[in-house]
Amino acid sequence: MEPLVDRLASLRGVSGDELRADLDTRLVVERILTVLVESAAAVNGHVVGASGGQVPDDYRSSFGAAAAAGAIRPELAGRLAPAAGLRNLLAHRYGEVDLDLVAAAVPRAHDDFRDYITQVAGWLTEQGTDA
């Protein structure tokens, strides 16, 4: 996940207009956002399962479950859970994608997933597991 978060750092200032004009950049941004949510949800499922909890069956609730297991703080879970909706829109193309919204998600995703990596790594260290 870390290389994807690092790549988002270089895309922090991207605008909706740039995403509309440059298909390559648009696809990179969309793919990074999608994979970050999917990867985090997979990690969340492992964390919850290892903690003896019920593994969530959707991306959104996986963040709350990871917080309940103590792997991330509840406020971070609350910030990340809506990313599941954006992921679903990008992956399934339920409707027209608002590229201004996608561009606005880049700096938030960078910061929140950077925090996510730090918090999960800290939790793993506390558990005696290498990150």
C-alpha atoms as a PDB file:
ATOM      1  CA  MET A   1       0.000   0.000   0.000  1.00  0.00           C
ATOM      2  CA  GLU A   2       2.830   2.355   0.785  1.00  0.00           C
ATOM      3  CA  PRO A   3       4.003   2.772  -2.844  1.00  0.00           C
ATOM      4  CA  LEU A   4       0.455   3.716  -3.822  1.00  0.00           C
ATOM      5  CA  VAL A   5       0.203   6.280  -1.043  1.00  0.00           C
ATOM      6  CA  ASP A   6       3.589   7.646  -2.080  1.00  0.00           C
ATOM      7  CA  ARG A   7       2.364   7.974  -5.674  1.00  0.00           C
ATOM      8  CA  LEU A   8      -0.699   9.885  -4.468  1.00  0.00           C
ATOM      9  CA  ALA A   9       1.653  12.462  -2.935  1.00  0.00           C
ATOM     10  CA  SER A  10       2.765  13.431  -6.433  1.00  0.00           C
ATOM     11  CA  LEU A  11      -0.871  13.732  -7.526  1.00  0.00           C
ATOM     12  CA  ARG A  12      -2.125  15.874  -4.617  1.00  0.00           C
ATOM     13  CA  GLY A  13      -2.694  18.941  -6.763  1.00  0.00           C
ATOM     14  CA  VAL A  14      -4.501  17.232  -9.633  1.00  0.00           C
ATOM     15  CA  SER A  15      -7.726  18.929 -10.657  1.00  0.00           C
ATOM     16  CA  GLY A  16     -10.917  17.626 -12.163  1.00  0.00           C
ATOM     17  CA  ASP A  17     -10.056  19.490 -15.353  1.00  0.00           C
ATOM     18  CA  GLU A  18      -6.709  17.709 -15.539  1.00  0.00           C
ATOM     19  CA  LEU A  19      -8.413  14.363 -15.037  1.00  0.00           C
ATOM     20  CA  ARG A  20     -10.865  15.183 -17.830  1.00  0.00           C
ATOM     21  CA  ALA A  21      -8.020  16.209 -20.166  1.00  0.00           C
ATOM     22  CA  ASP A  22      -5.539  13.414 -19.390  1.00  0.00           C
ATOM     23  CA  LEU A  23      -6.952   9.904 -19.502  1.00  0.00           C
ATOM     24  CA  ASP A  24      -3.686   8.346 -18.330  1.00  0.00           C
ATOM     25  CA  THR A  25      -3.619  10.443 -15.150  1.00  0.00           C
ATOM     26  CA  ARG A  26      -7.307   9.805 -14.587  1.00  0.00           C
ATOM     27  CA  LEU A  27      -6.832   6.052 -14.827  1.00  0.00           C
ATOM     28  CA  VAL A  28      -3.819   6.135 -12.503  1.00  0.00           C
ATOM     29  CA  VAL A  29      -5.738   8.109  -9.877  1.00  0.00           C
ATOM     30  CA  GLU A  30      -8.841   5.942 -10.155  1.00  0.00           C
ATOM     31  CA  ARG A  31      -6.833   2.726  -9.936  1.00  0.00           C
ATOM     32  CA  ILE A  32      -4.814   3.882  -6.929  1.00  0.00           C
ATOM     33  CA  LEU A  33      -7.941   4.927  -5.040  1.00  0.00           C
ATOM     34  CA  THR A  34      -9.646   1.634  -5.881  1.00  0.00           C
ATOM     35  CA  VAL A  35      -6.706  -0.573  -4.909  1.00  0.00           C
ATOM     36  CA  LEU A  36      -6.115   1.293  -1.645  1.00  0.00           C
ATOM     37  CA  VAL A  37      -9.672   0.633  -0.498  1.00  0.00           C
ATOM     38  CA  GLU A  38      -9.564  -2.994  -1.612  1.00  0.00           C
ATOM     39  CA  SER A  39      -6.188  -3.580   0.058  1.00  0.00           C
ATOM     40  CA  ALA A  40      -7.240  -1.922   3.293  1.00  0.00           C
ATOM     41  CA  ALA A  41     -10.461  -3.943   3.375  1.00  0.00           C
ATOM     42  CA  ALA A  42      -8.439  -7.139   2.953  1.00  0.00           C
ATOM     43  CA  VAL A  43      -6.117  -6.115   5.787  1.00  0.00           C
ATOM     44  CA  ASN A  44      -9.123  -5.193   7.897  1.00  0.00           C
ATOM     45  CA  GLY A  45     -10.619  -8.626   7.342  1.00  0.00           C
ATOM     46  CA  HIS A  46      -7.401 -10.319   8.442  1.00  0.00           C
ATOM     47  CA  VAL A  47      -7.121  -8.075  11.498  1.00  0.00           C
ATOM     48  CA  VAL A  48     -10.691  -8.727  12.553  1.00  0.00           C
ATOM     49  CA  GLY A  49     -10.441 -12.457  11.920  1.00  0.00           C
ATOM     50  CA  ALA A  50      -7.178 -12.721  13.855  1.00  0.00           C
ATOM     51  CA  SER A  51      -8.826 -10.842  16.717  1.00  0.00           C
ATOM     52  CA  GLY A  52     -11.662 -13.361  16.845  1.00  0.00           C
ATOM     53  CA  GLY A  53     -14.264 -11.039  15.399  1.00  0.00           C
ATOM     54  CA  GLN A  54     -16.767 -11.507  12.615  1.00  0.00           C
ATOM     55  CA  VAL A  55     -15.065 -10.665   9.309  1.00  0.00           C
ATOM     56  CA  PRO A  56     -17.057  -7.906   7.588  1.00  0.00           C
ATOM     57  CA  ASP A  57     -18.598  -8.662   4.224  1.00  0.00           C
ATOM     58  CA  ASP A  58     -18.261  -5.204   2.703  1.00  0.00           C
ATOM     59  CA  TYR A  59     -15.566  -2.591   2.305  1.00  0.00           C
ATOM     60  CA  ARG A  60     -17.320   0.180   4.228  1.00  0.00           C
ATOM     61  CA  SER A  61     -17.974  -1.765   7.407  1.00  0.00           C
ATOM     62  CA  SER A  62     -14.483  -3.256   7.401  1.00  0.00           C
ATOM     63  CA  PHE A  63     -13.070   0.044   8.642  1.00  0.00           C
ATOM     64  CA  GLY A  64     -15.383   0.148  11.661  1.00  0.00           C
ATOM     65  CA  ALA A  65     -14.572  -3.483  12.377  1.00  0.00           C
ATOM     66  CA  ALA A  66     -10.835  -2.728  12.247  1.00  0.00           C
ATOM     67  CA  ALA A  67     -11.418   0.113  14.716  1.00  0.00           C
ATOM     68  CA  ALA A  68     -13.409  -2.189  16.994  1.00  0.00           C
ATOM     69  CA  ALA A  69     -10.482  -4.625  16.906  1.00  0.00           C
ATOM     70  CA  GLY A  70      -8.171  -1.782  17.948  1.00  0.00           C
ATOM     71  CA  ALA A  71      -6.084  -1.690  14.768  1.00  0.00           C
ATOM     72  CA  ILE A  72      -7.101   1.863  13.814  1.00  0.00           C
ATOM     73  CA  ARG A  73      -8.702   4.744  15.667  1.00  0.00           C
ATOM     74  CA  PRO A  74     -12.462   5.188  15.263  1.00  0.00           C
ATOM     75  CA  GLU A  75     -12.086   8.682  13.800  1.00  0.00           C
ATOM     76  CA  LEU A  76      -9.842   7.312  11.050  1.00  0.00           C
ATOM     77  CA  ALA A  77     -12.339   4.539  10.378  1.00  0.00           C
ATOM     78  CA  GLY A  78     -15.016   7.204  10.025  1.00  0.00           C
ATOM     79  CA  ARG A  79     -12.919   9.130   7.517  1.00  0.00           C
ATOM     80  CA  LEU A  80     -12.022   6.043   5.467  1.00  0.00           C
ATOM     81  CA  ALA A  81     -15.410   4.300   5.344  1.00  0.00           C
ATOM     82  CA  PRO A  82     -16.861   6.673   2.710  1.00  0.00           C
ATOM     83  CA  ALA A  83     -13.923   5.817   0.417  1.00  0.00           C
ATOM     84  CA  ALA A  84     -15.688   2.488  -0.114  1.00  0.00           C
ATOM     85  CA  GLY A  85     -18.505   4.298  -1.893  1.00  0.00           C
ATOM     86  CA  LEU A  86     -16.085   6.095  -4.178  1.00  0.00           C
ATOM     87  CA  ARG A  87     -14.333   2.786  -4.835  1.00  0.00           C
ATOM     88  CA  ASN A  88     -17.639   1.201  -5.819  1.00  0.00           C
ATOM     89  CA  LEU A  89     -18.480   4.058  -8.159  1.00  0.00           C
ATOM     90  CA  LEU A  90     -15.050   3.886  -9.813  1.00  0.00           C
ATOM     91  CA  ALA A  91     -14.974   0.098 -10.062  1.00  0.00           C
ATOM     92  CA  HIS A  92     -18.550  -0.484 -11.196  1.00  0.00           C
ATOM     93  CA  ARG A  93     -19.328   2.761 -13.019  1.00  0.00           C
ATOM     94  CA  TYR A  94     -22.791   3.037 -11.492  1.00  0.00           C
ATOM     95  CA  GLY A  95     -23.152   6.462 -13.041  1.00  0.00           C
ATOM     96  CA  GLU A  96     -21.268   9.469 -14.250  1.00  0.00           C
ATOM     97  CA  VAL A  97     -18.058   9.914 -12.287  1.00  0.00           C
ATOM     98  CA  ASP A  98     -17.624  13.422 -10.888  1.00  0.00           C
ATOM     99  CA  LEU A  99     -13.952  14.037 -11.624  1.00  0.00           C
ATOM    100  CA  ASP A 100     -13.878  17.102  -9.391  1.00  0.00           C
ATOM    101  CA  LEU A 101     -14.891  14.804  -6.525  1.00  0.00           C
ATOM    102  CA  VAL A 102     -12.224  12.289  -7.520  1.00  0.00           C
ATOM    103  CA  ALA A 103      -9.571  15.027  -7.615  1.00  0.00           C
ATOM    104  CA  ALA A 104     -10.678  16.306  -4.206  1.00  0.00           C
ATOM    105  CA  ALA A 105     -10.361  12.781  -2.812  1.00  0.00           C
ATOM    106  CA  VAL A 106      -6.660  12.522  -3.681  1.00  0.00           C
ATOM    107  CA  PRO A 107      -5.149  14.598  -0.839  1.00  0.00           C
ATOM    108  CA  ARG A 108      -7.596  13.161   1.707  1.00  0.00           C
ATOM    109  CA  ALA A 109      -6.839   9.624   0.568  1.00  0.00           C
ATOM    110  CA  HIS A 110      -3.126  10.303   0.767  1.00  0.00           C
ATOM    111  CA  ASP A 111      -3.331  11.590   4.322  1.00  0.00           C
ATOM    112  CA  ASP A 112      -5.870   9.050   5.574  1.00  0.00           C
ATOM    113  CA  PHE A 113      -4.223   5.998   4.058  1.00  0.00           C
ATOM    114  CA  ARG A 114      -0.836   7.196   5.314  1.00  0.00           C
ATOM    115  CA  ASP A 115      -2.398   7.300   8.805  1.00  0.00           C
ATOM    116  CA  TYR A 116      -3.976   3.899   8.181  1.00  0.00           C
ATOM    117  CA  ILE A 117      -0.618   2.312   7.359  1.00  0.00           C
ATOM    118  CA  THR A 118       0.973   3.859  10.446  1.00  0.00           C
ATOM    119  CA  GLN A 119      -1.829   2.798  12.777  1.00  0.00           C
ATOM    120  CA  VAL A 120      -2.060  -0.776  11.482  1.00  0.00           C
ATOM    121  CA  ALA A 121       1.727  -1.158  11.616  1.00  0.00           C
ATOM    122  CA  GLY A 122       1.661   0.077  15.221  1.00  0.00           C
ATOM    123  CA  TRP A 123      -1.105  -2.373  16.068  1.00  0.00           C
ATOM    124  CA  LEU A 124       0.823  -5.230  14.478  1.00  0.00           C
ATOM    125  CA  THR A 125       3.896  -4.287  16.492  1.00  0.00           C
ATOM    126  CA  GLU A 126       1.825  -4.299  19.678  1.00  0.00           C
ATOM    127  CA  GLN A 127       0.539  -7.743  18.724  1.00  0.00           C
ATOM    128  CA  GLY A 128       4.086  -8.987  18.277  1.00  0.00           C
ATOM    129  CA  THR A 129       3.649  -9.368  14.526  1.00  0.00           C
ATOM    130  CA  ASP A 130       6.006  -7.876  11.967  1.00  0.00           C
ATOM    131  CA  ALA A 131       4.375  -5.269   9.742  1.00  0.00           C
END
